[in-house]
Amino acid sequence: MSAAAAQLFDEAFPCGPIGRDQHGHVVVLETPGASSQLLNSLLKGMEFDDFLRCQIFNKEVLRRYVASVSMEKEKRMYKVVNVVDLSGFGMAHTKGLMIQWFKQYAGVFGLNYPETMYRTYVINAPMLFTGVWKIVKHLIHPVTAAKISVSSWGHEAVFQKDGISISCVMPSAAKSKGSSDSSESFQTWRSTWATLKSKASSLDELAAGCFAPGADVAALAGLQIHV
Protein backbone atom coordinates (compact mmCIF):
# COMPACT_ATOMS: atom_id res chain seq x y z
CA MET A 1 0.00 0.00 0.00
CA SER A 2 1.34 3.42 -0.94
CA ALA A 3 2.03 6.25 1.48
CA ALA A 4 -0.49 8.36 -0.44
CA ALA A 5 -3.23 5.78 0.16
CA ALA A 6 -2.43 5.68 3.88
CA GLN A 7 -2.55 9.47 4.06
CA LEU A 8 -5.89 9.55 2.22
CA PHE A 9 -7.30 7.04 4.70
CA ASP A 10 -6.13 9.11 7.69
CA GLU A 11 -7.73 12.22 6.19
CA ALA A 12 -11.00 10.44 5.43
CA PHE A 13 -11.13 8.58 8.76
CA PRO A 14 -9.46 10.73 11.45
CA CYS A 15 -9.09 8.36 14.42
CA GLY A 16 -6.81 8.33 17.44
CA PRO A 17 -6.51 8.73 21.24
CA ILE A 18 -8.18 11.87 22.62
CA GLY A 19 -8.27 11.49 26.42
CA ARG A 20 -9.15 9.40 29.48
CA ASP A 21 -12.21 8.72 31.61
CA GLN A 22 -12.43 8.95 35.39
CA HIS A 23 -11.30 5.32 35.76
CA GLY A 24 -8.26 5.75 33.54
CA HIS A 25 -9.67 4.06 30.42
CA VAL A 26 -8.28 5.39 27.17
CA VAL A 27 -10.80 7.47 25.20
CA VAL A 28 -10.45 7.04 21.44
CA LEU A 29 -12.02 8.87 18.54
CA GLU A 30 -13.64 6.85 15.77
CA THR A 31 -15.17 8.42 12.68
CA PRO A 32 -17.14 6.76 9.88
CA GLY A 33 -15.80 9.37 7.48
CA ALA A 34 -14.96 13.05 7.90
CA SER A 35 -16.89 14.18 4.80
CA SER A 36 -18.65 12.87 1.71
CA GLN A 37 -16.00 14.49 -0.48
CA LEU A 38 -13.15 12.61 1.21
CA LEU A 39 -15.11 9.35 1.20
CA ASN A 40 -15.80 9.67 -2.52
CA SER A 41 -12.08 10.24 -3.13
CA LEU A 42 -11.23 7.20 -1.04
CA LEU A 43 -13.74 4.96 -2.82
CA LYS A 44 -12.25 5.99 -6.18
CA GLY A 45 -8.62 5.63 -5.15
CA MET A 46 -8.52 2.67 -2.76
CA GLU A 47 -9.33 -1.03 -2.87
CA PHE A 48 -11.09 -2.79 0.02
CA ASP A 49 -7.96 -4.76 0.94
CA ASP A 50 -6.05 -1.52 1.53
CA PHE A 51 -9.00 -0.09 3.48
CA LEU A 52 -8.96 -3.20 5.67
CA ARG A 53 -5.18 -3.02 6.17
CA CYS A 54 -5.52 0.58 7.38
CA GLN A 55 -8.25 -0.43 9.83
CA ILE A 56 -6.15 -3.34 11.11
CA PHE A 57 -3.18 -1.01 11.53
CA ASN A 58 -5.30 1.35 13.67
CA LYS A 59 -6.55 -1.50 15.86
CA GLU A 60 -3.07 -2.89 16.40
CA VAL A 61 -1.67 0.51 17.35
CA LEU A 62 -4.63 0.98 19.72
CA ARG A 63 -3.87 -2.39 21.33
CA ARG A 64 -0.25 -1.42 21.92
CA TYR A 65 -1.18 2.07 23.07
CA VAL A 66 -3.52 0.65 25.73
CA ALA A 67 -0.77 -1.75 26.78
CA SER A 68 1.68 1.14 27.17
CA VAL A 69 -0.82 3.06 29.33
CA SER A 70 -1.48 -0.06 31.44
CA MET A 71 2.21 -0.59 32.07
CA GLU A 72 2.79 3.08 32.83
CA LYS A 73 -0.05 3.19 35.38
CA GLU A 74 0.56 -0.39 36.59
CA LYS A 75 -3.15 -1.02 36.17
CA ARG A 76 -4.74 -3.68 33.99
CA MET A 77 -6.79 -2.00 31.26
CA TYR A 78 -7.87 -3.47 27.97
CA LYS A 79 -11.24 -1.86 27.32
CA VAL A 80 -11.60 1.60 25.84
CA VAL A 81 -14.17 4.38 25.65
CA ASN A 82 -15.16 5.01 22.04
CA VAL A 83 -16.30 8.42 20.84
CA VAL A 84 -17.92 8.06 17.42
CA ASP A 85 -18.17 11.48 15.77
CA LEU A 86 -20.80 11.61 13.02
CA SER A 87 -19.91 15.14 11.91
CA GLY A 88 -19.84 15.30 8.14
CA PHE A 89 -22.22 12.36 7.74
CA GLY A 90 -23.63 12.55 4.22
CA MET A 91 -24.83 10.69 1.14
CA ALA A 92 -21.47 9.01 0.51
CA HIS A 93 -21.88 7.14 3.79
CA THR A 94 -25.03 5.47 2.49
CA LYS A 95 -23.59 4.29 -0.82
CA GLY A 96 -23.82 0.57 -1.41
CA LEU A 97 -20.06 0.07 -1.71
CA MET A 98 -19.31 1.97 1.52
CA ILE A 99 -21.95 0.01 3.43
CA GLN A 100 -20.57 -3.24 1.99
CA TRP A 101 -17.05 -2.30 3.12
CA PHE A 102 -18.20 -1.48 6.64
CA LYS A 103 -20.14 -4.76 6.91
CA GLN A 104 -17.08 -6.76 5.89
CA TYR A 105 -14.88 -4.72 8.23
CA ALA A 106 -17.30 -5.22 11.14
CA GLY A 107 -17.34 -8.96 10.56
CA VAL A 108 -13.55 -9.19 10.69
CA PHE A 109 -13.13 -7.06 13.81
CA GLY A 110 -16.01 -8.58 15.72
CA LEU A 111 -14.15 -11.91 15.62
CA ASN A 112 -10.60 -10.65 16.19
CA TYR A 113 -11.08 -7.78 18.66
CA PRO A 114 -13.96 -8.84 20.93
CA GLU A 115 -14.91 -7.34 24.30
CA THR A 116 -12.87 -4.16 23.94
CA MET A 117 -15.65 -1.59 24.48
CA TYR A 118 -16.13 -0.07 27.92
CA ARG A 119 -18.55 2.61 26.71
CA THR A 120 -19.46 4.25 23.41
CA TYR A 121 -20.56 7.83 22.86
CA VAL A 122 -22.05 8.70 19.47
CA ILE A 123 -21.85 12.48 19.08
CA ASN A 124 -23.02 15.05 16.52
CA ALA A 125 -25.54 12.49 15.32
CA PRO A 126 -28.02 13.56 12.58
CA MET A 127 -31.62 13.67 13.77
CA LEU A 128 -32.45 10.71 11.52
CA PHE A 129 -29.80 8.64 13.31
CA THR A 130 -31.12 9.51 16.78
CA GLY A 131 -34.63 8.57 15.66
CA VAL A 132 -33.46 5.18 14.38
CA TRP A 133 -31.46 4.60 17.59
CA LYS A 134 -34.58 5.05 19.75
CA ILE A 135 -36.01 2.01 17.97
CA VAL A 136 -32.87 -0.07 17.56
CA LYS A 137 -31.76 0.18 21.19
CA HIS A 138 -34.79 -1.88 22.23
CA LEU A 139 -33.67 -4.68 19.89
CA ILE A 140 -30.21 -5.22 21.37
CA HIS A 141 -29.16 -6.63 24.74
CA PRO A 142 -29.99 -4.17 27.57
CA VAL A 143 -26.46 -4.42 28.99
CA THR A 144 -24.99 -3.41 25.63
CA ALA A 145 -27.58 -0.67 25.08
CA ALA A 146 -26.76 0.83 28.49
CA LYS A 147 -23.13 1.29 27.38
CA ILE A 148 -24.10 3.44 24.39
CA SER A 149 -24.97 7.13 24.48
CA VAL A 150 -26.26 8.98 21.41
CA SER A 151 -26.51 12.76 21.16
CA SER A 152 -26.98 15.32 18.39
CA TRP A 153 -25.53 18.17 20.46
CA GLY A 154 -24.42 18.95 23.99
CA HIS A 155 -22.03 16.01 24.32
CA GLU A 156 -19.65 18.19 26.35
CA ALA A 157 -22.12 18.15 29.26
CA VAL A 158 -22.47 14.37 28.95
CA PHE A 159 -18.70 13.96 29.01
CA GLN A 160 -18.40 16.15 32.09
CA LYS A 161 -21.13 14.20 33.90
CA ASP A 162 -19.49 10.86 33.08
CA GLY A 163 -15.95 11.98 33.91
CA ILE A 164 -14.65 12.01 30.34
CA SER A 165 -11.60 14.25 29.98
CA ILE A 166 -10.67 15.24 26.42
CA SER A 167 -7.03 16.23 26.08
CA CYS A 168 -7.05 17.60 22.53
CA VAL A 169 -9.20 19.46 20.03
CA MET A 170 -11.08 16.93 17.92
CA PRO A 171 -10.95 17.41 14.12
CA SER A 172 -14.66 18.28 13.85
CA ALA A 173 -14.33 20.93 16.56
CA ALA A 174 -11.24 22.43 14.93
CA LYS A 175 -13.07 22.52 11.60
CA SER A 176 -16.13 24.25 13.08
CA LYS A 177 -13.87 26.92 14.58
CA GLY A 178 -12.31 27.60 11.21
CA SER A 179 -8.93 26.05 11.95
CA SER A 180 -7.20 24.63 8.89
CA ASP A 181 -4.66 22.57 10.84
CA SER A 182 -5.42 20.52 13.94
CA SER A 183 -2.35 18.28 13.64
CA GLU A 184 -0.71 19.86 16.71
CA SER A 185 -3.69 19.04 18.90
CA PHE A 186 -4.96 15.75 17.47
CA GLN A 187 -2.76 12.74 16.70
CA THR A 188 -3.88 9.92 14.41
CA TRP A 189 -2.99 6.31 15.16
CA ARG A 190 -0.24 6.54 12.54
CA SER A 191 1.46 9.41 14.35
CA THR A 192 0.80 7.68 17.70
CA TRP A 193 2.65 4.62 16.35
CA ALA A 194 5.68 6.77 15.61
CA THR A 195 5.61 8.06 19.20
CA LEU A 196 5.32 4.54 20.61
CA LYS A 197 8.30 3.37 18.57
CA SER A 198 10.42 6.24 19.86
CA LYS A 199 9.50 5.74 23.52
CA ALA A 200 8.85 2.04 24.01
CA SER A 201 11.75 -0.06 25.24
CA SER A 202 10.27 -3.07 23.53
CA LEU A 203 7.42 -3.10 21.03
CA ASP A 204 7.29 -6.88 21.48
CA GLU A 205 6.49 -6.28 25.14
CA LEU A 206 3.61 -4.00 24.18
CA ALA A 207 2.35 -6.57 21.68
CA ALA A 208 2.26 -9.23 24.40
CA GLY A 209 -0.54 -7.54 26.30
CA CYS A 210 -1.39 -5.23 29.19
CA PHE A 211 0.01 -4.92 32.71
CA ALA A 212 -0.68 -7.83 35.09
CA PRO A 213 -0.28 -7.59 38.89
CA GLY A 214 2.56 -9.65 40.34
CA ALA A 215 0.16 -11.91 42.24
CA ASP A 216 -1.65 -12.78 39.01
CA VAL A 217 1.59 -13.49 37.19
CA ALA A 218 2.73 -15.78 40.01
CA ALA A 219 -0.63 -17.58 40.08
CA LEU A 220 -0.51 -18.21 36.33
CA ALA A 221 3.06 -19.46 36.60
CA GLY A 222 1.94 -21.88 39.31
CA LEU A 223 -0.71 -23.31 37.00
CA GLN A 224 1.77 -24.16 34.28
CA ILE A 225 2.38 -27.84 33.77
CA HIS A 226 6.00 -28.73 33.13
CA VAL A 227 6.45 -31.90 31.09
Foldseek 3Di string as FASTA:
>chain_A
DDPVLLVLLCQFWVKDWFFAFPVGATEIETELTQALVSLVVNVVPDDLVVVLVSVVLQVLLVLLVQQVSQVVVVHAAQAHEYEYEHHRPDDSCVDPVNVVSVVVSCVVCCVVPPPRHPAYEYELDDPVVVVVCVVVLVVDDVVNSVRYHYDNDDVVVVCVVRRTDTQFQDPVNCVVVPHPDRCVGGPGSVVSVVVCVVPPPDSVSSSVGHRDDPVVVVVVVVPDDDD
